[in-house]
């Protein structure tokens, strides 16, 4: 078997590892390489301004940086992950005794980039240009260390704090039932391969505190998946591992395979994830004790696309040489790094707020009465709290009633509208059969019936376009239905407007008999009196609102009685059917029993 060629890396004088082929390129060849890489990766040419600004600093970074030409063109220095500059600086300067416990408990935490401790001179000599430091977990002690290293004071330092609570991530703390070295508690969060295949697993990063435990975690995942030995297969489609001592080619294959969806799980240390922006990660699991700032960085690697993420923290029930209850902490005392790790494992407050307070104030709150913990609640009560998101509170208000109001149909118009309703149903059924034939996907009665036609009649005064028709009947069942109905409704409304007489003025109220007599002429003719009597008898008085309401109640009561009678009839039939089934079953069982007795 021919072994694949592994790209060699060289360590430059600045301490940055680069591929050898990039390190040996000149500026012009490096620009050509970037152009070709952009074309191969993104299928588009690189922007000229971006390419022209590139030059290889691997060989002569100090020489170029401190040159007069570069300093004159320098506009701003941007440092991402500023808290790591502080941590790596402690490692380089050998002053990391205060965080020595963190380094021992979390391998690959800061030991693999000590060269960042030498960035101080480069950041100081910047020709009085501004420097932008970015960090998501920069505790007060890190801020003080960076200010001391860069000779900054409060007068020339401006700090902008944003919302870093990541509400889309659900943080769960789970007490471990087994030892930390065994990592057997991972059995509780991963299903068997018989139930969930590898490609359907939730993309997860499993962070362990040491390089050896990454392999132990893979072994436990094999037990949970019921696939023994799969962890030792390099091209595994379930889980692989990543740490600072992993081979160069293995690191490249692991990162590319996870990003492309070849496998869903990675067992890793802190060496993985710094600078990565994977939108695929949905869950992060952390095993054992850890620095809260580091754990905040770990769990922040899920949910990068804005979708919900899950962070599971496995903590020990009893920590050797540590504090295992809230009473062991002195109220208001300064928390060391050991105390912060123990406090995170037992604090009763919301973990999301605990991480936020640790980043802002440098300690883990241990009581729900902590002033910093309830500070934002005081703002809410005093109506001084402002969220970082614009929330639409209209959803909490009741929905406004529909603008469509059902029209009360007069009794004189009911026969005409009933005839139109019947004709509309028949015409639509004929139109549907002519369009789709008798073998259509649905029966005409299932598409348009009496209920839809009645709605059109009741809301016809609101119908002016196809959207109104859609709202009234509830949607369009086949293409062209709304337009056809709108045409028929328009024709009907136009014909009615042409046949109706102009609207007369409102009738005067009936007057009393004496007033009517006084208003008559002094010598009325007999014929005119007869005509008035005839007209009075031919125009009966319309029913009042009370009469109409009583008639509607009576009709509704009759309909309800009819429905109740139908329900009772169907219930009686159902009971008779059940009784028949039981009787037939008993008779069959009795016959089988008699047959068995005769055979015996």
Protein backbone atom coordinates (compact mmCIF):
# COMPACT_ATOMS: atom_id res chain seq x y z
CA UNK A 1 0.00 0.00 0.00
CA UNK A 2 1.41 3.38 -0.98
CA UNK A 3 1.46 5.84 1.91
CA UNK A 4 0.09 9.31 1.24
CA UNK A 5 2.58 12.15 1.29
CA UNK A 6 2.30 14.29 4.42
CA UNK A 7 2.92 17.97 4.02
CA UNK A 8 5.96 19.06 6.01
CA UNK A 9 5.75 22.01 8.36
CA UNK A 10 8.57 24.24 9.52
CA UNK A 11 8.78 26.41 12.63
CA UNK A 12 9.56 29.98 11.68
CA UNK A 13 11.49 32.44 13.88
CA UNK A 14 8.15 33.92 14.98
CA UNK A 15 7.05 30.53 16.32
CA UNK A 16 4.23 30.01 13.81
CA UNK A 17 4.01 26.61 12.12
CA UNK A 18 3.65 26.83 8.32
CA UNK A 19 3.63 24.34 5.51
CA UNK A 20 7.10 24.11 4.01
CA UNK A 21 5.89 24.88 0.47
CA UNK A 22 4.35 28.14 1.68
CA UNK A 23 7.38 29.07 3.75
CA UNK A 24 9.68 28.76 0.74
CA UNK A 25 7.54 30.84 -1.65
CA UNK A 26 8.43 34.35 -2.69
CA UNK A 27 5.89 37.15 -2.51
CA UNK A 28 4.93 36.81 -6.19
CA UNK A 29 4.57 33.04 -6.00
CA UNK A 30 2.54 33.39 -2.82
CA UNK A 31 0.14 35.77 -4.59
CA UNK A 32 -0.24 33.32 -7.48
CA UNK A 33 -0.87 30.53 -4.98
CA UNK A 34 -3.62 32.56 -3.27
CA UNK A 35 -5.27 33.34 -6.61
CA UNK A 36 -5.33 29.66 -7.58
CA UNK A 37 -6.55 28.57 -4.12
CA UNK A 38 -9.41 31.07 -4.26
CA UNK A 39 -10.39 29.81 -7.70
CA UNK A 40 -10.28 26.15 -6.61
CA UNK A 41 -12.09 26.68 -3.31
CA UNK A 42 -14.71 29.34 -4.07
CA UNK A 43 -14.94 29.05 -7.88
CA UNK A 44 -14.21 32.74 -8.23
CA UNK A 45 -11.14 34.88 -8.70
CA UNK A 46 -9.57 36.62 -5.72
CA UNK A 47 -10.06 40.37 -5.38
CA UNK A 48 -7.03 42.31 -6.70
CA UNK A 49 -6.71 44.54 -3.63
CA UNK A 50 -6.64 41.55 -1.31
CA UNK A 51 -3.98 39.79 -3.36
CA UNK A 52 -1.74 42.82 -3.79
CA UNK A 53 -1.70 43.41 -0.02
CA UNK A 54 -0.21 39.94 0.64
CA UNK A 55 3.46 39.36 1.33
CA UNK A 56 5.27 36.53 3.09
CA UNK A 57 6.17 37.54 6.65
CA UNK A 58 7.28 34.09 7.75
CA UNK A 59 10.95 34.73 7.03
CA UNK A 60 11.36 38.34 8.04
CA UNK A 61 8.44 39.39 10.21
CA UNK A 62 10.48 41.52 12.61
CA UNK A 63 12.45 43.15 9.80
CA UNK A 64 9.30 44.16 7.93
CA UNK A 65 7.25 45.11 10.99
CA UNK A 66 9.82 47.45 12.50
CA UNK A 67 10.76 49.05 9.19
CA UNK A 68 9.98 52.74 8.67
CA UNK A 69 7.99 52.07 5.50
CA UNK A 70 5.66 49.62 7.24
CA UNK A 71 5.24 51.78 10.34
CA UNK A 72 4.29 54.79 8.21
CA UNK A 73 1.58 52.78 6.44
CA UNK A 74 0.30 51.13 9.62
CA UNK A 75 -3.29 52.18 10.44
CA UNK A 76 -4.44 49.75 13.14
CA UNK A 77 -3.43 46.51 14.85
CA UNK A 78 -6.15 43.95 15.53
CA UNK A 79 -5.56 41.10 18.00
CA UNK A 80 -8.20 38.39 18.18
CA UNK A 81 -8.42 36.07 21.23
CA UNK A 82 -6.74 38.71 23.38
CA UNK A 83 -7.16 36.60 26.53
CA UNK A 84 -4.85 33.97 25.01
CA UNK A 85 -2.12 36.61 24.66
CA UNK A 86 -2.27 37.00 28.43
CA UNK A 87 -2.28 33.24 29.08
CA UNK A 88 0.48 32.42 26.62
CA UNK A 89 2.47 35.35 27.94
CA UNK A 90 2.35 33.83 31.41
CA UNK A 91 3.64 30.55 30.03
CA UNK A 92 6.48 32.23 28.14
CA UNK A 93 7.52 34.39 31.08
CA UNK A 94 7.40 31.44 33.52
CA UNK A 95 5.01 33.36 35.79
CA UNK A 96 2.15 30.92 35.41
CA UNK A 97 2.28 29.50 38.93
CA UNK A 98 -1.09 31.03 39.69
CA UNK A 99 -2.69 29.08 36.85
CA UNK A 100 -0.44 26.02 37.13
CA UNK A 101 -3.37 23.93 38.34
CA UNK A 102 -5.34 24.85 35.25
CA UNK A 103 -2.45 23.81 32.99
CA UNK A 104 -2.18 20.44 34.72
CA UNK A 105 -5.89 19.75 34.63
CA UNK A 106 -6.38 20.86 31.02
CA UNK A 107 -3.61 19.77 28.69
CA UNK A 108 -3.05 21.76 25.48
CA UNK A 109 -4.51 24.77 27.34
CA UNK A 110 -1.59 27.14 26.82
CA UNK A 111 1.63 25.20 26.35
CA UNK A 112 1.53 24.90 22.58
CA UNK A 113 1.80 28.64 21.75
CA UNK A 114 4.42 30.13 24.13
CA UNK A 115 5.74 32.37 21.34
CA UNK A 116 2.76 34.67 21.89
CA UNK A 117 4.48 35.84 25.05
CA UNK A 118 6.92 37.74 22.81
CA UNK A 119 4.25 39.86 21.14
CA UNK A 120 4.69 42.68 23.64
CA UNK A 121 7.39 44.59 21.69
CA UNK A 122 5.41 44.38 18.46
CA UNK A 123 2.28 45.72 20.10
CA UNK A 124 4.13 48.50 21.90
CA UNK A 125 5.97 49.81 18.83
CA UNK A 126 3.00 50.71 16.64
CA UNK A 127 3.79 54.35 15.81
CA UNK A 128 1.00 55.62 18.11
CA UNK A 129 -1.62 53.79 16.07
CA UNK A 130 -4.70 52.30 17.80
CA UNK A 131 -4.82 48.65 18.77
CA UNK A 132 -8.08 46.66 18.80
CA UNK A 133 -8.19 43.72 21.23
CA UNK A 134 -11.06 41.23 20.78
CA UNK A 135 -12.02 38.59 23.32
CA UNK A 136 -15.13 36.73 24.39
CA UNK A 137 -13.78 35.64 27.81
CA UNK A 138 -11.41 38.32 29.06
CA UNK A 139 -11.60 38.27 32.87
CA UNK A 140 -10.52 41.30 34.94
CA UNK A 141 -7.19 39.64 35.79
CA UNK A 142 -6.49 39.19 32.08
CA UNK A 143 -7.45 42.81 31.39
CA UNK A 144 -5.06 43.99 34.11
CA UNK A 145 -2.28 41.77 32.75
CA UNK A 146 -2.74 43.07 29.19
CA UNK A 147 -2.81 46.67 30.41
CA UNK A 148 0.41 46.12 32.35
CA UNK A 149 2.11 44.37 29.43
CA UNK A 150 1.14 47.05 26.88
CA UNK A 151 1.70 49.99 29.25
CA UNK A 152 -1.95 51.05 29.01
CA UNK A 153 -3.97 53.00 31.55
CA UNK A 154 -7.61 53.92 31.94
CA UNK A 155 -7.14 57.22 30.12
CA UNK A 156 -6.15 55.69 26.78
CA UNK A 157 -8.18 52.48 27.08
CA UNK A 158 -11.83 52.19 26.05
CA UNK A 159 -13.69 48.95 26.78
CA UNK A 160 -16.88 48.07 24.89
CA UNK A 161 -18.86 45.23 26.42
CA UNK A 162 -21.42 43.33 24.39
CA UNK A 163 -23.98 40.62 25.09
CA UNK A 164 -22.05 37.35 25.40
CA UNK A 165 -24.52 35.07 27.17
CA UNK A 166 -25.35 33.05 24.00
CA UNK A 167 -29.03 32.40 24.85
CA UNK A 168 -29.31 29.89 21.99
CA UNK A 169 -27.06 27.44 23.92
CA UNK A 170 -28.70 25.29 26.61
CA UNK A 171 -26.16 24.52 29.38
CA UNK A 172 -26.69 21.37 31.47
CA UNK A 173 -24.56 20.31 34.44
CA UNK A 174 -24.53 16.57 35.16
CA UNK A 175 -22.97 14.93 38.22
CA UNK A 176 -20.78 11.97 37.32
CA UNK A 177 -21.63 8.50 38.62
CA UNK A 178 -18.22 7.06 37.70
CA UNK A 179 -14.64 8.22 38.01
CA UNK A 180 -13.27 10.95 35.78
CA UNK A 181 -10.52 8.67 34.45
CA UNK A 182 -13.06 6.12 33.18
CA UNK A 183 -15.33 8.71 31.45
CA UNK A 184 -18.09 6.08 31.57
CA UNK A 185 -20.71 8.79 32.07
CA UNK A 186 -20.60 9.42 28.32
CA UNK A 187 -22.73 6.28 28.00
CA UNK A 188 -25.71 8.39 29.07
CA UNK A 189 -25.71 10.77 26.10
CA UNK A 190 -24.98 8.57 23.08
CA UNK A 191 -27.46 6.02 21.65
CA UNK A 192 -26.77 2.61 20.18
CA UNK A 193 -25.87 2.26 16.52
CA UNK A 194 -28.89 -0.04 16.18
CA UNK A 195 -31.19 2.89 16.98
CA UNK A 196 -29.35 5.85 15.40
CA UNK A 197 -26.86 5.39 12.52
CA UNK A 198 -23.63 7.37 12.38
CA UNK A 199 -24.83 9.82 9.74
CA UNK A 200 -27.85 10.74 11.90
CA UNK A 201 -25.82 11.47 15.04
CA UNK A 202 -25.71 15.00 16.46
CA UNK A 203 -22.35 16.63 15.52
CA UNK A 204 -20.52 16.76 18.85
CA UNK A 205 -17.15 17.80 20.31
CA UNK A 206 -16.07 15.84 23.41
CA UNK A 207 -13.47 17.78 25.42
CA UNK A 208 -11.26 15.82 27.79
CA UNK A 209 -8.71 17.22 30.22
CA UNK A 210 -5.77 15.13 28.94
CA UNK A 211 -4.56 13.61 25.70
CA UNK A 212 -4.79 10.06 27.08
CA UNK A 213 -8.43 10.50 28.05
CA UNK A 214 -9.38 11.37 24.47
CA UNK A 215 -8.78 7.72 23.56
CA UNK A 216 -10.64 6.56 26.69
CA UNK A 217 -13.61 8.69 25.65
CA UNK A 218 -13.57 7.08 22.21
CA UNK A 219 -13.60 3.65 23.85
CA UNK A 220 -16.64 4.62 25.94
CA UNK A 221 -18.44 5.91 22.85
CA UNK A 222 -17.82 2.49 21.28
CA UNK A 223 -19.49 0.87 24.30
CA UNK A 224 -22.46 3.21 23.99
CA UNK A 225 -22.76 2.59 20.25
CA UNK A 226 -22.27 -1.19 20.72
CA UNK A 227 -19.45 -1.18 18.15
CA UNK A 228 -16.38 -2.49 20.02
CA UNK A 229 -13.03 -1.74 18.40
CA UNK A 230 -14.36 0.96 16.12
CA UNK A 231 -12.41 3.64 18.01
CA UNK A 232 -9.10 2.17 16.86
CA UNK A 233 -10.06 2.40 13.18
CA UNK A 234 -8.43 5.50 11.62
CA UNK A 235 -11.10 5.97 8.90
CA UNK A 236 -13.94 5.62 11.43
CA UNK A 237 -17.26 7.13 10.38
CA UNK A 238 -18.31 7.65 14.01
CA UNK A 239 -15.55 9.30 16.07
CA UNK A 240 -11.94 10.47 15.73
CA UNK A 241 -9.62 12.39 18.01
CA UNK A 242 -7.57 15.57 17.91
CA UNK A 243 -4.91 16.95 20.28
CA UNK A 244 -1.61 18.80 20.09
CA UNK A 245 0.45 15.62 19.56
CA UNK A 246 -1.71 14.25 16.75
CA UNK A 247 0.12 13.86 13.45
CA UNK A 248 -0.04 16.71 10.97
CA UNK A 249 -1.86 14.72 8.31
CA UNK A 250 -4.26 13.29 10.90
CA UNK A 251 -5.12 16.81 12.04
CA UNK A 252 -5.84 17.91 8.48
CA UNK A 253 -7.95 14.81 7.75
CA UNK A 254 -9.85 15.16 11.04
CA UNK A 255 -10.75 18.81 10.49
CA UNK A 256 -11.71 18.34 6.84
CA UNK A 257 -13.67 15.12 7.51
CA UNK A 258 -15.70 16.64 10.33
CA UNK A 259 -16.43 19.83 8.38
CA UNK A 260 -17.62 17.82 5.36
CA UNK A 261 -19.82 15.48 7.44
CA UNK A 262 -17.78 12.27 7.10
CA UNK A 263 -18.10 11.55 10.85
CA UNK A 264 -20.13 13.27 13.62
CA UNK A 265 -17.94 13.06 16.78
CA UNK A 266 -14.48 14.34 17.75
CA UNK A 267 -12.74 13.47 21.02
CA UNK A 268 -10.32 16.32 21.60
CA UNK A 269 -8.47 18.64 23.96
CA UNK A 270 -8.26 22.43 23.99
CA UNK A 271 -5.96 22.18 20.96
CA UNK A 272 -9.07 21.94 18.75
CA UNK A 273 -11.43 24.76 18.14
CA UNK A 274 -9.37 27.91 18.63
CA UNK A 275 -10.11 30.05 15.60
CA UNK A 276 -12.55 27.49 14.15
CA UNK A 277 -16.00 28.68 13.15
CA UNK A 278 -17.82 25.41 12.52
CA UNK A 279 -21.53 25.91 11.99
CA UNK A 280 -22.04 22.15 12.07
CA UNK A 281 -21.41 21.63 15.80
CA UNK A 282 -24.66 21.14 17.70
CA UNK A 283 -23.40 19.77 21.04
CA UNK A 284 -20.30 20.10 23.23
CA UNK A 285 -19.54 17.73 26.13
CA UNK A 286 -16.89 18.61 28.74
CA UNK A 287 -15.49 16.06 31.18
CA UNK A 288 -14.24 16.94 34.67
CA UNK A 289 -13.03 20.14 36.31
CA UNK A 290 -12.00 23.07 34.20
CA UNK A 291 -11.38 26.78 34.24
CA UNK A 292 -14.72 28.58 33.70
CA UNK A 293 -13.23 30.86 31.05
CA UNK A 294 -11.90 27.85 29.13
CA UNK A 295 -15.20 25.97 29.45
CA UNK A 296 -16.99 29.07 28.18
CA UNK A 297 -14.73 28.98 25.12
CA UNK A 298 -15.44 25.27 24.61
CA UNK A 299 -19.22 25.45 24.84
CA UNK A 300 -19.20 28.54 22.63
CA UNK A 301 -18.16 26.37 19.68
CA UNK A 302 -21.68 25.00 19.25
CA UNK A 303 -24.63 26.87 17.82
CA UNK A 304 -22.44 29.15 15.71
CA UNK A 305 -25.14 29.35 13.02
CA UNK A 306 -27.71 30.81 15.40
CA UNK A 307 -29.62 27.55 15.81
CA UNK A 308 -30.04 25.99 19.28
CA UNK A 309 -27.02 24.22 20.75
CA UNK A 310 -26.46 21.97 23.77
CA UNK A 311 -23.57 22.08 26.26
CA UNK A 312 -23.20 19.20 28.75
CA UNK A 313 -20.80 19.66 31.68
CA UNK A 314 -19.90 16.46 33.55
CA UNK A 315 -18.67 17.36 37.06
CA UNK A 316 -17.41 15.12 39.87
CA UNK A 317 -19.56 14.66 42.95
CA UNK A 318 -16.54 14.89 45.24
CA UNK A 319 -13.39 16.75 44.22
CA UNK A 320 -10.24 15.64 46.01
CA UNK A 321 -8.51 18.52 47.85
CA UNK A 322 -11.29 20.81 46.66
CA UNK A 323 -14.39 22.49 48.03
CA UNK A 324 -17.50 20.35 47.69
CA UNK A 325 -20.20 22.55 49.24
CA UNK A 326 -21.24 26.20 49.20
CA UNK A 327 -20.61 26.50 52.96
CA UNK A 328 -16.87 25.93 52.42
CA UNK A 329 -16.60 29.25 50.55
CA UNK A 330 -16.20 32.49 52.47
CA UNK A 331 -18.84 35.02 51.45
CA UNK A 332 -17.31 37.96 49.63
CA UNK A 333 -13.84 36.40 49.60
CA UNK A 334 -11.49 36.38 46.63
CA UNK A 335 -11.78 33.19 44.58
CA UNK A 336 -8.62 31.55 43.33
CA UNK A 337 -8.51 29.52 40.12
CA UNK A 338 -9.10 26.36 42.16
CA UNK A 339 -12.06 27.98 43.91
CA UNK A 340 -13.59 29.10 40.61
CA UNK A 341 -13.41 25.57 39.21
CA UNK A 342 -15.02 24.13 42.36
CA UNK A 343 -17.65 26.88 42.49
CA UNK A 344 -18.73 26.20 38.92
CA UNK A 345 -19.44 22.56 39.85
CA UNK A 346 -21.74 23.37 42.80
CA UNK A 347 -23.22 26.83 42.24
CA UNK A 348 -27.04 26.90 42.44
CA UNK A 349 -27.39 29.94 40.15
CA UNK A 350 -28.04 29.94 36.42
CA UNK A 351 -24.89 28.72 34.68
CA UNK A 352 -25.26 31.17 31.80
CA UNK A 353 -25.29 34.10 34.24
CA UNK A 354 -22.44 32.52 36.24
CA UNK A 355 -20.23 32.48 33.13
CA UNK A 356 -21.16 36.09 32.37
CA UNK A 357 -20.33 37.30 35.89
CA UNK A 358 -17.03 35.40 35.82
CA UNK A 359 -16.06 37.20 32.61
CA UNK A 360 -17.15 40.61 33.90
CA UNK A 361 -16.19 40.47 37.58
CA UNK A 362 -13.84 37.50 37.88
CA UNK A 363 -15.75 35.21 40.25
CA UNK A 364 -18.51 32.58 40.24
CA UNK A 365 -21.62 33.61 42.23
CA UNK A 366 -22.69 31.04 44.82
CA UNK A 367 -26.00 32.51 45.97
CA UNK A 368 -29.18 33.67 44.28
CA UNK A 369 -28.98 36.73 46.56
CA UNK A 370 -25.63 37.82 45.13
CA UNK A 371 -25.85 41.57 44.27
CA UNK A 372 -24.26 41.06 40.85
CA UNK A 373 -26.62 38.15 40.14
CA UNK A 374 -29.81 40.13 40.85
CA UNK A 375 -28.55 43.43 39.44
CA UNK A 376 -30.35 43.05 36.13
CA UNK A 377 -33.55 42.07 37.96
CA UNK A 378 -33.44 45.45 39.74
CA UNK A 379 -33.16 47.11 36.34
CA UNK A 380 -36.15 45.14 35.10
CA UNK A 381 -38.25 46.11 38.13
CA UNK A 382 -37.20 49.75 37.71
CA UNK A 383 -37.92 49.61 33.97
CA UNK A 384 -34.29 50.42 33.14
CA UNK A 385 -33.33 47.15 31.45
CA UNK A 386 -32.70 47.25 27.71
CA UNK A 387 -32.23 44.07 25.73
CA UNK A 388 -29.76 43.70 22.91
CA UNK A 389 -32.50 42.30 20.67
CA UNK A 390 -35.53 44.05 19.24
CA UNK A 391 -38.48 41.96 20.34
CA UNK A 392 -41.90 42.05 18.73
CA UNK A 393 -44.41 42.17 21.59
CA UNK A 394 -47.38 42.36 19.25
CA UNK A 395 -47.61 38.57 19.46
CA UNK A 396 -48.68 38.91 23.11
CA UNK A 397 -51.69 41.03 22.22
CA UNK A 398 -54.98 39.38 21.20
CA UNK A 399 -55.55 39.06 17.49
CA UNK A 400 -57.72 41.71 15.93
CA UNK A 401 -61.10 40.55 14.63
CA UNK A 402 -61.42 39.93 10.94
CA UNK A 403 -62.44 42.87 8.79
CA UNK A 404 -64.98 40.61 7.07
CA UNK A 405 -68.36 40.85 8.75
CA UNK A 406 -71.21 38.56 7.86
CA UNK A 407 -74.12 40.37 6.21
CA UNK A 408 -77.65 39.85 7.44
CA UNK A 409 -79.71 38.72 4.46
CA UNK A 410 -83.28 40.09 4.28
CA UNK A 411 -86.06 37.59 3.77
CA UNK A 412 -87.03 39.27 0.51
CA UNK A 413 -83.54 38.60 -0.94
CA UNK A 414 -83.24 35.04 0.33
CA UNK A 415 -85.00 33.32 -2.65
CA UNK A 416 -82.78 35.09 -5.21
CA UNK A 417 -79.60 34.29 -3.28
CA UNK A 418 -80.63 30.67 -2.73
CA UNK A 419 -81.16 30.27 -6.46
CA UNK A 420 -77.75 31.82 -7.14
CA UNK A 421 -76.13 29.50 -4.60
CA UNK A 422 -77.61 26.38 -6.20
CA UNK A 423 -76.67 27.59 -9.68
CA UNK A 424 -73.12 28.46 -8.52
CA UNK A 425 -72.55 24.98 -7.09
CA UNK A 426 -73.86 23.26 -10.22
CA UNK A 427 -71.86 25.47 -12.59
CA UNK A 428 -68.62 24.98 -10.66
CA UNK A 429 -69.08 21.20 -10.65
CA UNK A 430 -69.62 21.28 -14.42
CA UNK A 431 -66.56 23.52 -14.89
CA UNK A 432 -64.44 21.14 -12.81
CA UNK A 433 -65.57 18.09 -14.79
CA UNK A 434 -64.93 19.84 -18.10
CA UNK A 435 -61.43 20.79 -16.92
CA UNK A 436 -60.32 17.51 -15.32
CA UNK A 437 -62.90 15.04 -16.58
CA UNK A 438 -64.88 12.57 -14.57
CA UNK A 439 -61.67 10.85 -13.46
CA UNK A 440 -60.37 13.90 -11.59
CA UNK A 441 -58.26 13.55 -8.44
CA UNK A 442 -61.18 14.72 -6.25
CA UNK A 443 -64.94 14.66 -6.48
CA UNK A 444 -66.56 18.05 -7.27
CA UNK A 445 -68.59 17.90 -4.06
CA UNK A 446 -65.37 17.61 -2.02
CA UNK A 447 -64.01 20.81 -3.56
CA UNK A 448 -67.00 23.13 -3.43
CA UNK A 449 -70.26 22.55 -1.64
CA UNK A 450 -73.07 24.20 0.26
CA UNK A 451 -70.80 25.55 3.02
CA UNK A 452 -68.51 27.43 0.63
CA UNK A 453 -71.43 28.76 -1.41
CA UNK A 454 -73.19 29.99 1.75
CA UNK A 455 -69.99 31.81 2.80
CA UNK A 456 -69.83 33.55 -0.58
CA UNK A 457 -73.44 34.72 -0.24
CA UNK A 458 -72.93 35.97 3.32
CA UNK A 459 -69.71 37.87 2.53
CA UNK A 460 -70.41 38.86 -1.07
CA UNK A 461 -70.35 42.57 -0.16
CA UNK A 462 -66.65 42.16 0.85
CA UNK A 463 -65.51 40.28 -2.26
CA UNK A 464 -63.64 42.49 -4.72
CA UNK A 465 -60.63 40.37 -5.80
CA UNK A 466 -59.29 36.82 -5.76
CA UNK A 467 -57.65 37.28 -2.34
CA UNK A 468 -61.06 38.06 -0.87
CA UNK A 469 -62.48 34.90 -2.44
CA UNK A 470 -59.55 32.90 -1.03
CA UNK A 471 -60.20 34.28 2.45
CA UNK A 472 -63.92 33.53 2.32
CA UNK A 473 -63.76 29.92 1.06
CA UNK A 474 -60.45 29.03 2.73
CA UNK A 475 -58.14 28.54 -0.27
CA UNK A 476 -57.86 27.37 -3.86
CA UNK A 477 -58.33 23.66 -4.60
CA UNK A 478 -57.35 23.77 -8.27
CA UNK A 479 -55.80 26.32 -10.58
CA UNK A 480 -58.30 28.85 -11.90
CA UNK A 481 -60.98 28.24 -9.26
CA UNK A 482 -60.68 31.67 -7.62
CA UNK A 483 -60.77 33.55 -10.91
CA UNK A 484 -63.84 31.59 -12.09
CA UNK A 485 -65.70 32.25 -8.84
CA UNK A 486 -64.80 35.95 -8.92
CA UNK A 487 -66.19 36.23 -12.46
CA UNK A 488 -69.48 34.57 -11.48
CA UNK A 489 -69.85 36.74 -8.37
CA UNK A 490 -69.12 39.90 -10.37
CA UNK A 491 -71.71 38.96 -13.01
CA UNK A 492 -74.34 38.27 -10.35
CA UNK A 493 -73.68 41.53 -8.47
CA UNK A 494 -73.78 43.52 -11.72
CA UNK A 495 -77.08 41.97 -12.78
CA UNK A 496 -78.65 42.73 -9.41
CA UNK A 497 -77.52 46.35 -9.50
CA UNK A 498 -79.10 46.73 -12.96
CA UNK A 499 -82.45 45.27 -11.88
CA UNK A 500 -82.74 47.11 -8.58
CA UNK A 501 -84.55 50.50 -8.43
CA UNK A 502 -82.77 53.56 -7.10
CA UNK A 503 -82.59 53.65 -3.36
CA UNK A 504 -85.54 55.59 -1.94
CA UNK A 505 -85.34 57.86 1.03
CA UNK A 506 -86.02 56.54 4.47
CA UNK A 507 -89.74 56.05 5.15
CA UNK A 508 -91.38 58.36 7.58
CA UNK A 509 -92.66 56.93 10.80
CA UNK A 510 -96.35 56.06 10.95
CA UNK A 511 -98.38 58.85 12.50
CA UNK A 512 -101.45 58.60 14.68
CA UNK A 513 -104.99 58.52 13.33
CA UNK A 514 -105.87 62.09 14.34
CA UNK A 515 -102.79 63.48 12.66
CA UNK A 516 -103.62 61.55 9.51
CA UNK A 517 -107.12 62.95 9.45
CA UNK A 518 -105.95 66.52 9.85
CA UNK A 519 -103.47 66.11 7.01
CA UNK A 520 -106.14 64.96 4.58
CA UNK A 521 -107.77 67.43 2.15
CA UNK A 522 -111.00 69.05 3.26
CA UNK A 523 -113.04 67.30 0.53
CA UNK A 524 -111.35 63.98 -0.30
CA UNK A 525 -112.57 62.02 -3.25
CA UNK A 526 -113.95 58.57 -2.80
CA UNK A 527 -111.58 57.08 -5.35
CA UNK A 528 -108.53 58.42 -3.64
CA UNK A 529 -109.65 56.98 -0.31
CA UNK A 530 -110.15 53.59 -1.87
CA UNK A 531 -106.71 53.74 -3.49
CA UNK A 532 -105.08 54.56 -0.18
CA UNK A 533 -106.91 51.72 1.52
CA UNK A 534 -105.83 49.33 -1.20
CA UNK A 535 -102.20 50.42 -0.99
CA UNK A 536 -102.25 50.08 2.78
CA UNK A 537 -103.56 46.55 2.61
CA UNK A 538 -101.17 45.50 -0.19
CA UNK A 539 -97.99 46.50 1.72
CA UNK A 540 -97.88 44.50 4.97
CA UNK A 541 -95.67 45.71 7.79
CA UNK A 542 -92.24 43.96 7.86
CA UNK A 543 -91.49 41.82 10.92
CA UNK A 544 -89.65 43.47 13.81
CA UNK A 545 -86.17 42.55 15.07
CA UNK A 546 -87.60 40.68 18.04
CA UNK A 547 -89.73 38.53 15.76
CA UNK A 548 -86.74 37.76 13.53
CA UNK A 549 -84.56 36.93 16.55
CA UNK A 550 -87.24 34.64 17.97
CA UNK A 551 -87.56 32.90 14.61
CA UNK A 552 -83.78 32.44 14.43
CA UNK A 553 -83.70 30.98 17.95
CA UNK A 554 -86.54 28.63 17.12
CA UNK A 555 -84.79 27.48 13.95
CA UNK A 556 -81.51 26.98 15.82
CA UNK A 557 -83.31 25.01 18.53
CA UNK A 558 -84.91 22.76 15.93
CA UNK A 559 -81.55 22.15 14.29
CA UNK A 560 -80.00 21.25 17.64
CA UNK A 561 -82.83 18.86 18.42
CA UNK A 562 -82.37 17.22 15.04
CA UNK A 563 -78.63 16.85 15.65
CA UNK A 564 -79.27 15.37 19.11
CA UNK A 565 -81.73 12.91 17.62
CA UNK A 566 -79.20 11.87 14.98
CA UNK A 567 -76.53 11.45 17.66
CA UNK A 568 -78.81 9.32 19.82
CA UNK A 569 -79.71 7.20 16.81
CA UNK A 570 -76.06 6.67 15.87
CA UNK A 571 -75.17 5.91 19.50
CA UNK A 572 -77.95 3.34 19.71
CA UNK A 573 -76.77 1.71 16.48
CA UNK A 574 -73.21 1.62 17.82
CA UNK A 575 -74.31 -0.04 21.05
CA UNK A 576 -76.37 -2.59 19.12
CA UNK A 577 -73.35 -3.31 16.90
CA UNK A 578 -71.07 -3.79 19.93
CA UNK A 579 -73.63 -6.04 21.56
CA UNK A 580 -73.85 -8.10 18.37
CA UNK A 581 -70.06 -8.49 18.27
CA UNK A 582 -69.97 -9.57 21.92
CA UNK A 583 -72.82 -12.01 21.46
CA UNK A 584 -71.21 -13.56 18.38
CA UNK A 585 -67.87 -13.78 20.19
CA UNK A 586 -69.44 -15.51 23.20
CA UNK A 587 -71.32 -17.94 20.98
CA UNK A 588 -68.15 -18.75 19.05
CA UNK A 589 -66.20 -19.28 22.27
CA UNK A 590 -68.99 -21.47 23.66
CA UNK A 591 -69.00 -23.60 20.51
CA UNK A 592 -65.22 -23.99 20.60
CA UNK A 593 -65.42 -25.00 24.23
CA UNK A 594 -68.10 -27.61 23.48
CA UNK A 595 -66.00 -28.95 20.57
CA UNK A 596 -62.97 -29.27 22.84
CA UNK A 597 -65.08 -31.10 25.46
CA UNK A 598 -66.39 -33.57 22.89
CA UNK A 599 -62.89 -34.27 21.57
CA UNK A 600 -61.72 -34.97 25.10
